[in-house]
Amino acid sequence: MIRGIVISLTEDGRLELPPEILSQLPPNVQFEVSVSENEIILKKLQIPTVDLDNFFQRLEQQPPAPDELSLEEISELVKEVRRKRRAR
């Protein structure tokens, strides 16, 4: 952690970060900013990245759950519920 470095606010309202800080920041990183009377705190946002194609491919490769109902079983349950509702 770097401490004791002074940065300045430019006339156009920008903070100038010195090269030793900029070199530690990856491009396009986002920060949450908290401002109080005496300090400004920057916290790097952890934005999860999800590759949906990869996710669905891995999902399709998973074996079926041992207690997973078949389409026929689901259909029978739906029919049973409908019969009970009509009987009321």
N, C-alpha and C. Protein backbone atom coordinates (compact mmCIF):
# COMPACT_ATOMS: atom_id res chain seq x y z
N MET A 1 0.85 -1.17 0.00
CA MET A 1 0.00 0.00 0.00
C MET A 1 0.89 1.23 0.00
N ILE A 2 0.55 2.17 -0.85
CA ILE A 2 1.30 3.43 -0.92
C ILE A 2 0.63 4.44 0.01
N ARG A 3 1.43 5.10 0.82
CA ARG A 3 0.91 6.12 1.75
C ARG A 3 1.73 7.39 1.63
N GLY A 4 1.13 8.49 1.99
CA GLY A 4 1.85 9.75 2.09
C GLY A 4 2.05 10.48 0.78
N ILE A 5 1.35 10.09 -0.26
CA ILE A 5 1.46 10.80 -1.54
C ILE A 5 0.38 11.87 -1.59
N VAL A 6 0.75 13.05 -2.00
CA VAL A 6 -0.18 14.17 -2.10
C VAL A 6 -0.64 14.29 -3.54
N ILE A 7 -1.95 14.41 -3.71
CA ILE A 7 -2.49 14.65 -5.05
C ILE A 7 -3.24 15.97 -5.02
N SER A 8 -3.45 16.54 -6.19
CA SER A 8 -4.07 17.85 -6.28
C SER A 8 -5.35 17.79 -7.10
N LEU A 9 -6.24 18.70 -6.79
CA LEU A 9 -7.46 18.88 -7.57
C LEU A 9 -7.17 19.99 -8.58
N THR A 10 -7.34 19.68 -9.86
CA THR A 10 -7.05 20.68 -10.90
C THR A 10 -8.17 21.71 -10.96
N GLU A 11 -7.91 22.78 -11.70
CA GLU A 11 -8.91 23.84 -11.85
C GLU A 11 -10.19 23.34 -12.50
N ASP A 12 -10.07 22.30 -13.34
CA ASP A 12 -11.28 21.78 -13.99
C ASP A 12 -11.93 20.64 -13.18
N GLY A 13 -11.53 20.47 -11.91
CA GLY A 13 -12.19 19.53 -11.02
C GLY A 13 -11.73 18.09 -11.12
N ARG A 14 -10.55 17.86 -11.64
CA ARG A 14 -10.02 16.50 -11.76
C ARG A 14 -8.93 16.26 -10.72
N LEU A 15 -8.89 15.01 -10.24
CA LEU A 15 -7.80 14.62 -9.35
C LEU A 15 -6.67 14.07 -10.19
N GLU A 16 -5.47 14.56 -9.94
CA GLU A 16 -4.30 14.09 -10.67
C GLU A 16 -3.62 13.00 -9.85
N LEU A 17 -3.65 11.77 -10.36
CA LEU A 17 -2.99 10.66 -9.66
C LEU A 17 -1.58 10.50 -10.21
N PRO A 18 -0.61 10.35 -9.33
CA PRO A 18 0.77 10.21 -9.79
C PRO A 18 0.99 8.85 -10.46
N PRO A 19 2.02 8.75 -11.29
CA PRO A 19 2.29 7.52 -12.05
C PRO A 19 2.43 6.27 -11.18
N GLU A 20 2.99 6.40 -9.96
CA GLU A 20 3.16 5.22 -9.11
C GLU A 20 1.83 4.65 -8.64
N ILE A 21 0.80 5.46 -8.62
CA ILE A 21 -0.54 4.95 -8.31
C ILE A 21 -1.20 4.42 -9.58
N LEU A 22 -1.13 5.21 -10.65
CA LEU A 22 -1.76 4.80 -11.93
C LEU A 22 -1.21 3.47 -12.43
N SER A 23 0.06 3.21 -12.19
CA SER A 23 0.66 1.96 -12.68
C SER A 23 0.09 0.73 -11.98
N GLN A 24 -0.54 0.92 -10.83
CA GLN A 24 -1.12 -0.20 -10.09
C GLN A 24 -2.60 -0.43 -10.43
N LEU A 25 -3.18 0.43 -11.25
CA LEU A 25 -4.60 0.32 -11.58
C LEU A 25 -4.79 -0.24 -12.98
N PRO A 26 -5.55 -1.32 -13.11
CA PRO A 26 -5.82 -1.84 -14.45
C PRO A 26 -6.76 -0.90 -15.20
N PRO A 27 -6.73 -0.94 -16.52
CA PRO A 27 -7.62 -0.06 -17.30
C PRO A 27 -9.08 -0.44 -17.09
N ASN A 28 -9.94 0.54 -17.20
CA ASN A 28 -11.40 0.39 -17.13
C ASN A 28 -11.89 -0.13 -15.78
N VAL A 29 -11.12 0.04 -14.73
CA VAL A 29 -11.56 -0.37 -13.40
C VAL A 29 -12.53 0.68 -12.86
N GLN A 30 -13.51 0.23 -12.09
CA GLN A 30 -14.49 1.16 -11.52
C GLN A 30 -14.34 1.16 -10.00
N PHE A 31 -14.63 2.32 -9.40
CA PHE A 31 -14.51 2.48 -7.97
C PHE A 31 -15.80 3.04 -7.38
N GLU A 32 -16.10 2.60 -6.16
CA GLU A 32 -17.16 3.21 -5.38
C GLU A 32 -16.48 4.33 -4.59
N VAL A 33 -17.09 5.51 -4.56
CA VAL A 33 -16.49 6.66 -3.89
C VAL A 33 -17.32 7.03 -2.67
N SER A 34 -16.64 7.16 -1.53
CA SER A 34 -17.27 7.64 -0.30
C SER A 34 -16.57 8.93 0.09
N VAL A 35 -17.35 9.96 0.36
CA VAL A 35 -16.78 11.25 0.70
C VAL A 35 -17.30 11.68 2.07
N SER A 36 -16.36 12.07 2.94
CA SER A 36 -16.73 12.65 4.23
C SER A 36 -16.03 14.00 4.33
N GLU A 37 -16.15 14.61 5.48
CA GLU A 37 -15.55 15.94 5.65
C GLU A 37 -14.04 15.92 5.49
N ASN A 38 -13.39 14.82 5.94
CA ASN A 38 -11.92 14.78 5.96
C ASN A 38 -11.28 13.78 5.01
N GLU A 39 -12.09 12.96 4.33
CA GLU A 39 -11.44 11.96 3.48
C GLU A 39 -12.32 11.57 2.31
N ILE A 40 -11.66 11.07 1.30
CA ILE A 40 -12.31 10.46 0.13
C ILE A 40 -11.78 9.05 0.06
N ILE A 41 -12.69 8.09 0.01
CA ILE A 41 -12.28 6.69 -0.03
C ILE A 41 -12.74 6.09 -1.35
N LEU A 42 -11.80 5.46 -2.04
CA LEU A 42 -12.10 4.75 -3.28
C LEU A 42 -12.02 3.26 -3.01
N LYS A 43 -13.09 2.53 -3.34
CA LYS A 43 -13.09 1.08 -3.19
C LYS A 43 -13.34 0.47 -4.56
N LYS A 44 -12.42 -0.39 -4.96
CA LYS A 44 -12.54 -1.05 -6.26
C LYS A 44 -13.79 -1.93 -6.28
N LEU A 45 -14.60 -1.77 -7.31
CA LEU A 45 -15.80 -2.59 -7.46
C LEU A 45 -15.41 -3.95 -7.99
N GLN A 46 -15.97 -4.97 -7.40
CA GLN A 46 -15.75 -6.34 -7.86
C GLN A 46 -16.95 -6.71 -8.73
N ILE A 47 -16.81 -6.55 -10.01
CA ILE A 47 -17.89 -6.83 -10.94
C ILE A 47 -17.69 -8.24 -11.48
N PRO A 48 -18.60 -9.14 -11.13
CA PRO A 48 -18.44 -10.51 -11.62
C PRO A 48 -18.67 -10.58 -13.13
N THR A 49 -17.86 -11.37 -13.77
CA THR A 49 -18.04 -11.58 -15.20
C THR A 49 -18.53 -13.00 -15.41
N VAL A 50 -19.56 -13.12 -16.22
CA VAL A 50 -20.15 -14.43 -16.48
C VAL A 50 -20.19 -14.65 -17.99
N ASP A 51 -19.65 -15.76 -18.41
CA ASP A 51 -19.73 -16.16 -19.80
C ASP A 51 -20.95 -17.08 -19.92
N LEU A 52 -22.07 -16.52 -20.39
CA LEU A 52 -23.31 -17.29 -20.42
C LEU A 52 -23.23 -18.51 -21.32
N ASP A 53 -22.54 -18.40 -22.45
CA ASP A 53 -22.40 -19.56 -23.34
C ASP A 53 -21.71 -20.70 -22.60
N ASN A 54 -20.63 -20.37 -21.90
CA ASN A 54 -19.89 -21.37 -21.14
C ASN A 54 -20.76 -21.94 -20.02
N PHE A 55 -21.50 -21.07 -19.34
CA PHE A 55 -22.37 -21.51 -18.25
C PHE A 55 -23.41 -22.51 -18.75
N PHE A 56 -24.10 -22.18 -19.84
CA PHE A 56 -25.14 -23.07 -20.36
C PHE A 56 -24.55 -24.37 -20.89
N GLN A 57 -23.37 -24.30 -21.47
CA GLN A 57 -22.70 -25.51 -21.94
C GLN A 57 -22.39 -26.43 -20.76
N ARG A 58 -21.86 -25.87 -19.69
CA ARG A 58 -21.56 -26.67 -18.50
C ARG A 58 -22.84 -27.20 -17.86
N LEU A 59 -23.89 -26.41 -17.89
CA LEU A 59 -25.17 -26.84 -17.33
C LEU A 59 -25.73 -28.04 -18.08
N GLU A 60 -25.63 -28.00 -19.41
CA GLU A 60 -26.13 -29.11 -20.23
C GLU A 60 -25.33 -30.39 -19.99
N GLN A 61 -24.07 -30.26 -19.61
CA GLN A 61 -23.22 -31.43 -19.38
C GLN A 61 -23.45 -32.08 -18.02
N GLN A 62 -24.19 -31.40 -17.15
CA GLN A 62 -24.44 -31.95 -15.82
C GLN A 62 -25.42 -33.12 -15.91
N PRO A 63 -25.19 -34.16 -15.13
CA PRO A 63 -26.14 -35.26 -15.12
C PRO A 63 -27.45 -34.80 -14.47
N PRO A 64 -28.56 -35.43 -14.82
CA PRO A 64 -29.82 -35.02 -14.21
C PRO A 64 -29.80 -35.30 -12.70
N ALA A 65 -30.54 -34.48 -11.99
CA ALA A 65 -30.64 -34.67 -10.53
C ALA A 65 -31.36 -35.98 -10.27
N PRO A 66 -30.93 -36.72 -9.26
CA PRO A 66 -31.54 -38.04 -9.00
C PRO A 66 -33.02 -37.95 -8.66
N ASP A 67 -33.46 -36.84 -8.07
CA ASP A 67 -34.87 -36.71 -7.71
C ASP A 67 -35.65 -35.84 -8.70
N GLU A 68 -35.09 -35.60 -9.87
CA GLU A 68 -35.74 -34.77 -10.88
C GLU A 68 -36.94 -35.50 -11.46
N LEU A 69 -38.06 -34.78 -11.56
CA LEU A 69 -39.28 -35.37 -12.12
C LEU A 69 -39.20 -35.41 -13.64
N SER A 70 -39.79 -36.43 -14.21
CA SER A 70 -39.87 -36.52 -15.67
C SER A 70 -41.00 -35.61 -16.14
N LEU A 71 -41.04 -35.34 -17.43
CA LEU A 71 -42.12 -34.53 -17.98
C LEU A 71 -43.48 -35.19 -17.75
N GLU A 72 -43.51 -36.50 -17.84
CA GLU A 72 -44.76 -37.22 -17.60
C GLU A 72 -45.24 -37.03 -16.16
N GLU A 73 -44.29 -37.12 -15.20
CA GLU A 73 -44.65 -36.94 -13.79
C GLU A 73 -45.14 -35.51 -13.52
N ILE A 74 -44.50 -34.56 -14.13
CA ILE A 74 -44.92 -33.17 -13.98
C ILE A 74 -46.31 -32.98 -14.56
N SER A 75 -46.54 -33.55 -15.72
CA SER A 75 -47.85 -33.46 -16.36
C SER A 75 -48.94 -34.06 -15.48
N GLU A 76 -48.67 -35.21 -14.88
CA GLU A 76 -49.65 -35.85 -14.00
C GLU A 76 -49.93 -35.00 -12.77
N LEU A 77 -48.91 -34.38 -12.20
CA LEU A 77 -49.11 -33.50 -11.05
C LEU A 77 -49.98 -32.30 -11.41
N VAL A 78 -49.72 -31.72 -12.57
CA VAL A 78 -50.52 -30.57 -13.02
C VAL A 78 -51.98 -30.99 -13.21
N LYS A 79 -52.20 -32.14 -13.84
CA LYS A 79 -53.56 -32.62 -14.05
C LYS A 79 -54.26 -32.86 -12.71
N GLU A 80 -53.55 -33.43 -11.75
CA GLU A 80 -54.13 -33.70 -10.44
C GLU A 80 -54.52 -32.41 -9.73
N VAL A 81 -53.67 -31.42 -9.79
CA VAL A 81 -53.98 -30.12 -9.16
C VAL A 81 -55.19 -29.50 -9.84
N ARG A 82 -55.26 -29.55 -11.15
CA ARG A 82 -56.40 -28.99 -11.87
C ARG A 82 -57.70 -29.69 -11.49
N ARG A 83 -57.64 -31.03 -11.37
CA ARG A 83 -58.83 -31.79 -10.99
C ARG A 83 -59.31 -31.36 -9.61
N LYS A 84 -58.36 -31.20 -8.67
CA LYS A 84 -58.71 -30.80 -7.32
C LYS A 84 -59.32 -29.40 -7.30
N ARG A 85 -58.79 -28.50 -8.09
CA ARG A 85 -59.31 -27.13 -8.12
C ARG A 85 -60.73 -27.10 -8.72
N ARG A 86 -60.96 -27.92 -9.73
CA ARG A 86 -62.30 -27.95 -10.35
C ARG A 86 -63.33 -28.57 -9.40
N ALA A 87 -62.87 -29.48 -8.56
CA ALA A 87 -63.78 -30.19 -7.64
C ALA A 87 -64.26 -29.26 -6.52
N ARG A 88 -63.62 -28.19 -6.28
CA ARG A 88 -64.01 -27.29 -5.18
C ARG A 88 -65.26 -26.57 -5.45
